[in-house]
Every structure is written in C-alpha cells, then in structure tokens.
Amino acid sequence: MELDSSNVMARVNIGFAYLQKADLDKAVAQFQRVIADHPEMAIAHYDLGVALKERDDLEAAQKELKRALEIEPELSDAHYTLGIIYWQNGDFEKTVNEMNAAVKNRPDYAEAYYMLGTALKQKGDLDASVTALKKAILLNPANPGPHNTLAQVLRQKGDIEGSKAAFAEGAKAKAKIDAQSAEMLRGKK
C-alpha cells in the first residue's frame, strides 16, 4: 500500500511509531523528511527534538524544540522537554523558566510541576519548591516522586514532622503502584 505523501499527519504518525519502538534513526529521518516538506509544522519539530534527545544529541534536540516553540509557543510538552534538557545540563534557572511556561499553558501538567519543584529545590528556593510540589501532588497524588521530594525539602526547612508525613505518603503511593504491578503480573500467568 502506497502512503499518500500529502497526508502530513500520517507521515508524522509514522515517525512517532518509530519513536515509540525506539528506532531513533528511522524516527529522525522521518521527521526530517516531514520538516523538509512542511518547515512550519511545530509537532514535527517537537517530535524530532524528542527523538534527538533520546539519541542523546542534546544540542540538536534543543534547536528543534526551540523551533517548535517559535512556531507554537504554547506547546507545553516542548517547554517540558526543553526544561528536562536544561536540567540534564545543570541549568536550573532555564529549567524553572521552561517548567513555568509548561504549566502556564497547561495548568494540569502534574509532571511539569514536579520538575519545577525539583529545579527550585536545586536552586535553593525552598518555599517556591514546596508550592510547586504540593501542586504536583494535588494533580497526581499517585506519583510517589513529588511526595518524596517534598519530604526532602521540608526536612531542609526544618519541618521534620511534615517531612515524615510526606515520606509516608510517598511510601503509600509506591506500595500501591507495586501492588498494581504485582496484580498485573499475576494476571499474565
């Protein structure tokens, strides 16, 4: 079956399928072909940025993510992924800026609030970190990560009881995930 080359989203979806299978070379090539024909397609630049990041080509990934944001500044996932790259490079100020942009455009983005709180912790802005982490927990209480990071921040602030409570909530969330995983494994036998 011949693919209709005018169906741009089908071409993007093929690249995304390669990305999901971790066939990064094919994903990169597919997104580059789409961009060659449609240079103003933000999602293709974003997906190419993700593929390049997965290939650990962080400089090229940043370039593509920034291009995606030039075209579509409200693309929260591009802000988030760019922020992760800055995090990997140890630039917590830029991480904070990108995570703030991500949650501004998508106020229910729990993972971005979690990373925002983590970057703020690294910068030493503990009060703002607590606020962001509590928002992450409010949006997704099942993720143990924000609970545990909040516990660390509260301990740094001298709130030992709050820290213990946050660690306990993180442990409960982790136990629930472990129980669900065990149940799934039992169901596959």
Foldseek 3Di string as FASTA:
>chain_A
DDDDPVPLVVLLVVLVVCVVVLVLVVSLVSLVVSCVVVVLDLVSLQSNLVSCVSVVVNVSSLVSLVSSCVNPVLPLVSLQVNLVSCVVVVNLVSNLVSLVSNCVSPVLPLVSLLSNLVSCVVVVVLVSSLVSLVSSCVSPVLALSSLQVNLVSCVVVVNNVSSVVSNVSSVVSVVVVVVVVVVVVVVVD
